[in-house]
C-alpha atoms as a PDB file:
ATOM      1  CA  MET A   1      11.913  17.503   4.502  1.00  0.00           C
ATOM      2  CA  THR A   2      10.281  17.334   1.823  1.00  0.00           C
ATOM      3  CA  LEU A   3       7.574  14.561   0.411  1.00  0.00           C
ATOM      4  CA  LEU A   4       7.984  13.949  -3.487  1.00  0.00           C
ATOM      5  CA  LEU A   5       4.555  13.878  -5.296  1.00  0.00           C
ATOM      6  CA  PRO A   6       5.619  12.956  -8.430  1.00  0.00           C
ATOM      7  CA  GLU A   7       2.170  12.340  -9.779  1.00  0.00           C
ATOM      8  CA  THR A   8       1.685  16.133  -9.111  1.00  0.00           C
ATOM      9  CA  GLY A   9       5.032  17.523  -9.606  1.00  0.00           C
ATOM     10  CA  PHE A  10       4.675  19.041  -6.625  1.00  0.00           C
ATOM     11  CA  THR A  11       6.646  18.648  -3.750  1.00  0.00           C
ATOM     12  CA  VAL A  12       5.361  19.382   0.356  1.00  0.00           C
ATOM     13  CA  GLN A  13       6.959  20.137   3.284  1.00  0.00           C
ATOM     14  CA  THR A  14       6.078  17.753   6.198  1.00  0.00           C
ATOM     15  CA  ASN A  15       3.961  19.023   8.699  1.00  0.00           C
ATOM     16  CA  PRO A  16       5.345  20.169  11.965  1.00  0.00           C
ATOM     17  CA  CYS A  17       3.313  17.117  13.306  1.00  0.00           C
ATOM     18  CA  ILE A  18       5.945  14.937  11.987  1.00  0.00           C
ATOM     19  CA  PRO A  19       8.134  14.293  15.184  1.00  0.00           C
ATOM     20  CA  GLN A  20      11.715  14.862  14.661  1.00  0.00           C
ATOM     21  CA  PRO A  21      14.419  12.512  16.881  1.00  0.00           C
ATOM     22  CA  ASP A  22      14.561  13.523  20.367  1.00  0.00           C
ATOM     23  CA  PRO A  23      17.304  12.269  21.796  1.00  0.00           C
ATOM     24  CA  MET A  24      16.480  12.931  25.544  1.00  0.00           C
ATOM     25  CA  ALA A  25      12.840  11.304  24.961  1.00  0.00           C
ATOM     26  CA  GLY A  26      13.366   8.031  27.498  1.00  0.00           C
ATOM     27  CA  THR A  27      13.221   4.464  26.446  1.00  0.00           C
ATOM     28  CA  LYS A  28      10.994   3.329  23.712  1.00  0.00           C
ATOM     29  CA  GLU A  29       9.225   1.053  26.741  1.00  0.00           C
ATOM     30  CA  ASP A  30       8.283   5.191  28.524  1.00  0.00           C
ATOM     31  CA  ARG A  31       6.566   6.621  25.647  1.00  0.00           C
ATOM     32  CA  PRO A  32       2.935   5.358  24.358  1.00  0.00           C
ATOM     33  CA  MET A  33       2.808   4.271  20.773  1.00  0.00           C
ATOM     34  CA  LYS A  34       1.332   6.612  18.897  1.00  0.00           C
ATOM     35  CA  ILE A  35      -1.084   5.306  15.820  1.00  0.00           C
ATOM     36  CA  ALA A  36      -2.366   7.739  13.182  1.00  0.00           C
ATOM     37  CA  LEU A  37      -5.406   5.848  11.178  1.00  0.00           C
ATOM     38  CA  HIS A  38      -6.050   7.133   7.650  1.00  0.00           C
ATOM     39  CA  VAL A  39      -9.403   5.509   6.492  1.00  0.00           C
ATOM     40  CA  GLY A  40      -9.983   7.807   4.148  1.00  0.00           C
ATOM     41  CA  ALA A  41     -13.046   7.636   2.312  1.00  0.00           C
ATOM     42  CA  HIS A  42     -13.599   5.017  -0.474  1.00  0.00           C
ATOM     43  CA  CYS A  43     -12.362   5.749  -4.282  1.00  0.00           C
ATOM     44  CA  THR A  44     -11.198   9.118  -2.861  1.00  0.00           C
ATOM     45  CA  ASP A  45      -6.967   8.890  -2.877  1.00  0.00           C
ATOM     46  CA  GLU A  46      -6.567   5.981  -5.550  1.00  0.00           C
ATOM     47  CA  GLY A  47      -3.570   4.865  -3.423  1.00  0.00           C
ATOM     48  CA  ARG A  48      -1.514   8.158  -3.862  1.00  0.00           C
ATOM     49  CA  LEU A  49      -1.484   9.024  -0.058  1.00  0.00           C
ATOM     50  CA  ALA A  50      -0.477   5.315   0.442  1.00  0.00           C
ATOM     51  CA  ARG A  51       2.498   5.600  -2.640  1.00  0.00           C
ATOM     52  CA  THR A  52       4.129   8.892  -1.100  1.00  0.00           C
ATOM     53  CA  LEU A  53       4.160   7.156   2.277  1.00  0.00           C
ATOM     54  CA  ALA A  54       5.866   4.212   0.823  1.00  0.00           C
ATOM     55  CA  ARG A  55       8.509   6.570  -1.377  1.00  0.00           C
ATOM     56  CA  ASN A  56       9.560   8.464   1.784  1.00  0.00           C
ATOM     57  CA  ARG A  57       9.446   5.828   4.913  1.00  0.00           C
ATOM     58  CA  ASP A  58      13.358   6.054   5.330  1.00  0.00           C
ATOM     59  CA  ASP A  59      13.078   9.531   6.064  1.00  0.00           C
ATOM     60  CA  LEU A  60       9.719   8.956   8.166  1.00  0.00           C
ATOM     61  CA  LEU A  61      11.419   6.136   9.979  1.00  0.00           C
ATOM     62  CA  ALA A  62      14.616   8.433  10.591  1.00  0.00           C
ATOM     63  CA  ARG A  63      12.408  10.432  13.234  1.00  0.00           C
ATOM     64  CA  ARG A  64      10.588   6.983  14.238  1.00  0.00           C
ATOM     65  CA  VAL A  65       7.207   7.290  11.838  1.00  0.00           C
ATOM     66  CA  SER A  66       6.806   3.436  10.706  1.00  0.00           C
ATOM     67  CA  VAL A  67       4.728   3.520   8.007  1.00  0.00           C
ATOM     68  CA  PRO A  68       4.529  -0.648   7.742  1.00  0.00           C
ATOM     69  CA  PRO A  69       2.656  -1.884   4.379  1.00  0.00           C
ATOM     70  CA  PRO A  70      -0.508  -2.843   4.739  1.00  0.00           C
ATOM     71  CA  GLY A  71       0.361  -6.787   4.327  1.00  0.00           C
ATOM     72  CA  ASN A  72       1.540  -6.272   7.869  1.00  0.00           C
ATOM     73  CA  TYR A  73      -1.495  -5.510   9.138  1.00  0.00           C
ATOM     74  CA  LYS A  74      -5.020  -5.721   7.224  1.00  0.00           C
ATOM     75  CA  VAL A  75      -6.011  -8.730   7.552  1.00  0.00           C
ATOM     76  CA  LEU A  76      -4.189  -8.971  11.191  1.00  0.00           C
ATOM     77  CA  LEU A  77      -6.170  -5.914  12.790  1.00  0.00           C
ATOM     78  CA  ARG A  78      -9.745  -6.956  10.689  1.00  0.00           C
ATOM     79  CA  GLU A  79      -9.399 -10.305  12.406  1.00  0.00           C
ATOM     80  CA  ALA A  80      -8.318  -9.027  15.852  1.00  0.00           C
ATOM     81  CA  LEU A  81     -11.482  -7.062  15.569  1.00  0.00           C
ATOM     82  CA  HIS A  82     -13.627  -9.333  14.545  1.00  0.00           C
ATOM     83  CA  ALA A  83     -11.908 -11.256  17.435  1.00  0.00           C
ATOM     84  CA  LEU A  84     -12.840  -9.262  20.067  1.00  0.00           C
ATOM     85  CA  ASP A  85     -16.529 -10.170  19.982  1.00  0.00           C
ATOM     86  CA  ARG A  86     -15.416 -13.535  21.345  1.00  0.00           C
ATOM     87  CA  GLY A  87     -13.992 -11.771  24.442  1.00  0.00           C
ATOM     88  CA  GLU A  88     -11.145  -9.354  25.519  1.00  0.00           C
ATOM     89  CA  PRO A  89      -8.218  -8.974  23.978  1.00  0.00           C
ATOM     90  CA  SER A  90      -5.263 -10.883  26.360  1.00  0.00           C
ATOM     91  CA  ALA A  91      -2.420  -9.033  28.184  1.00  0.00           C
ATOM     92  CA  GLU A  92       0.011  -9.573  25.751  1.00  0.00           C
ATOM     93  CA  ALA A  93      -2.534  -8.362  22.450  1.00  0.00           C
ATOM     94  CA  LYS A  94      -1.133  -5.306  22.066  1.00  0.00           C
ATOM     95  CA  GLU A  95       2.883  -6.522  22.275  1.00  0.00           C
ATOM     96  CA  VAL A  96       1.759  -8.734  19.815  1.00  0.00           C
ATOM     97  CA  LEU A  97       0.075  -6.901  17.250  1.00  0.00           C
ATOM     98  CA  LEU A  98       2.629  -4.120  17.375  1.00  0.00           C
ATOM     99  CA  ASP A  99       5.646  -6.564  16.926  1.00  0.00           C
ATOM    100  CA  THR A 100       3.908  -7.955  14.182  1.00  0.00           C
ATOM    101  CA  ILE A 101       2.946  -4.866  11.966  1.00  0.00           C
ATOM    102  CA  LEU A 102       6.197  -3.052  13.072  1.00  0.00           C
ATOM    103  CA  GLN A 103       8.437  -6.006  12.374  1.00  0.00           C
ATOM    104  CA  ALA A 104      12.097  -4.941  12.190  1.00  0.00           C
ATOM    105  CA  ASP A 105      10.891  -0.978  12.971  1.00  0.00           C
ATOM    106  CA  ASP A 106      12.205   0.918  16.069  1.00  0.00           C
ATOM    107  CA  ALA A 107       9.178   4.032  15.984  1.00  0.00           C
ATOM    108  CA  ASP A 108       7.371   5.561  18.341  1.00  0.00           C
ATOM    109  CA  HIS A 109       4.437   6.299  15.982  1.00  0.00           C
ATOM    110  CA  MET A 110       2.971   4.568  13.119  1.00  0.00           C
ATOM    111  CA  ILE A 111       0.823   5.434  10.234  1.00  0.00           C
ATOM    112  CA  LEU A 112      -2.052   2.734   9.670  1.00  0.00           C
ATOM    113  CA  LEU A 113      -4.080   3.080   5.659  1.00  0.00           C
ATOM    114  CA  ASN A 114      -7.119   1.345   5.590  1.00  0.00           C
ATOM    115  CA  ASP A 115     -10.312   2.460   3.392  1.00  0.00           C
ATOM    116  CA  ASN A 116     -12.185  -0.814   4.619  1.00  0.00           C
ATOM    117  CA  PHE A 117     -11.247  -0.103   8.547  1.00  0.00           C
ATOM    118  CA  PHE A 118     -14.710   1.658   8.564  1.00  0.00           C
ATOM    119  CA  GLY A 119     -16.311  -0.766   6.580  1.00  0.00           C
ATOM    120  CA  THR A 120     -16.748  -1.626   2.969  1.00  0.00           C
ATOM    121  CA  PRO A 121     -18.261   0.757   0.576  1.00  0.00           C
ATOM    122  CA  ARG A 122     -21.540  -1.098   0.976  1.00  0.00           C
ATOM    123  CA  MET A 123     -21.397  -0.344   4.540  1.00  0.00           C
ATOM    124  CA  ALA A 124     -20.227   3.219   4.355  1.00  0.00           C
ATOM    125  CA  MET A 125     -24.256   4.571   3.817  1.00  0.00           C
ATOM    126  CA  LYS A 126     -26.868   3.297   6.622  1.00  0.00           C
ATOM    127  CA  ALA A 127     -30.018   4.706   7.729  1.00  0.00           C
ATOM    128  CA  GLY A 128     -28.373   8.209   6.702  1.00  0.00           C
ATOM    129  CA  GLN A 129     -25.570   7.803   8.240  1.00  0.00           C
ATOM    130  CA  PHE A 130     -22.053   8.111   6.613  1.00  0.00           C
ATOM    131  CA  TYR A 131     -20.118   4.935   8.007  1.00  0.00           C
ATOM    132  CA  PRO A 132     -22.283   3.881  11.023  1.00  0.00           C
ATOM    133  CA  ILE A 133     -19.519   1.609  12.648  1.00  0.00           C
ATOM    134  CA  ALA A 134     -16.807   3.659  12.823  1.00  0.00           C
ATOM    135  CA  GLU A 135     -17.024   4.336  16.301  1.00  0.00           C
ATOM    136  CA  GLN A 136     -17.480   1.232  17.789  1.00  0.00           C
ATOM    137  CA  ARG A 137     -14.053   0.341  15.383  1.00  0.00           C
ATOM    138  CA  LEU A 138     -12.195   3.260  17.092  1.00  0.00           C
ATOM    139  CA  ALA A 139     -13.418   2.094  20.545  1.00  0.00           C
ATOM    140  CA  ASP A 140     -12.635  -1.834  19.495  1.00  0.00           C
ATOM    141  CA  MET A 141      -9.225  -0.246  18.384  1.00  0.00           C
ATOM    142  CA  ARG A 142      -8.478   0.981  21.790  1.00  0.00           C
ATOM    143  CA  GLN A 143      -9.360  -2.461  23.840  1.00  0.00           C
ATOM    144  CA  LEU A 144      -6.661  -3.518  20.917  1.00  0.00           C
ATOM    145  CA  PHE A 145      -4.273  -0.943  21.745  1.00  0.00           C
ATOM    146  CA  PRO A 146      -4.587   0.262  25.253  1.00  0.00           C
ATOM    147  CA  ASP A 147      -2.575   3.129  26.305  1.00  0.00           C
ATOM    148  CA  CYS A 148      -1.460   3.854  22.841  1.00  0.00           C
ATOM    149  CA  GLU A 149      -2.622   7.776  21.292  1.00  0.00           C
ATOM    150  CA  ILE A 150      -4.481   6.744  18.464  1.00  0.00           C
ATOM    151  CA  GLY A 151      -6.049   9.717  15.994  1.00  0.00           C
ATOM    152  CA  ILE A 152      -7.719   9.817  12.528  1.00  0.00           C
END
């Protein structure tokens, strides 16, 4: 598969990590969801990756990779992460979140993009550390999405 990058005039062959459909892979319930978080540093991309993935959404979805619109998850995940301050997520939380984020997409992988996932620009540096809440946010995501493979 080739991704088109019209802003640059380049085309890029996809990474072999993008899965190919496997009819022998079992049912969706048998496979853990793989969640890729693109959390890029603020003001480094100007949305180019998001636009490229959105343009190639159908090709990716044919390979069971969903790139949901940010409106499906940015506020939802922020609220769910903040709710962890009040207690553990319910047993149904993962399925409710996945259903809301994916909507009708039938996918085994999803790519979520949010440069504020590890905090706002004013939170990027604190006490000499770059994005000091990153570890906690990833731990919180593991609570919300147990049994899912989460990568950044």
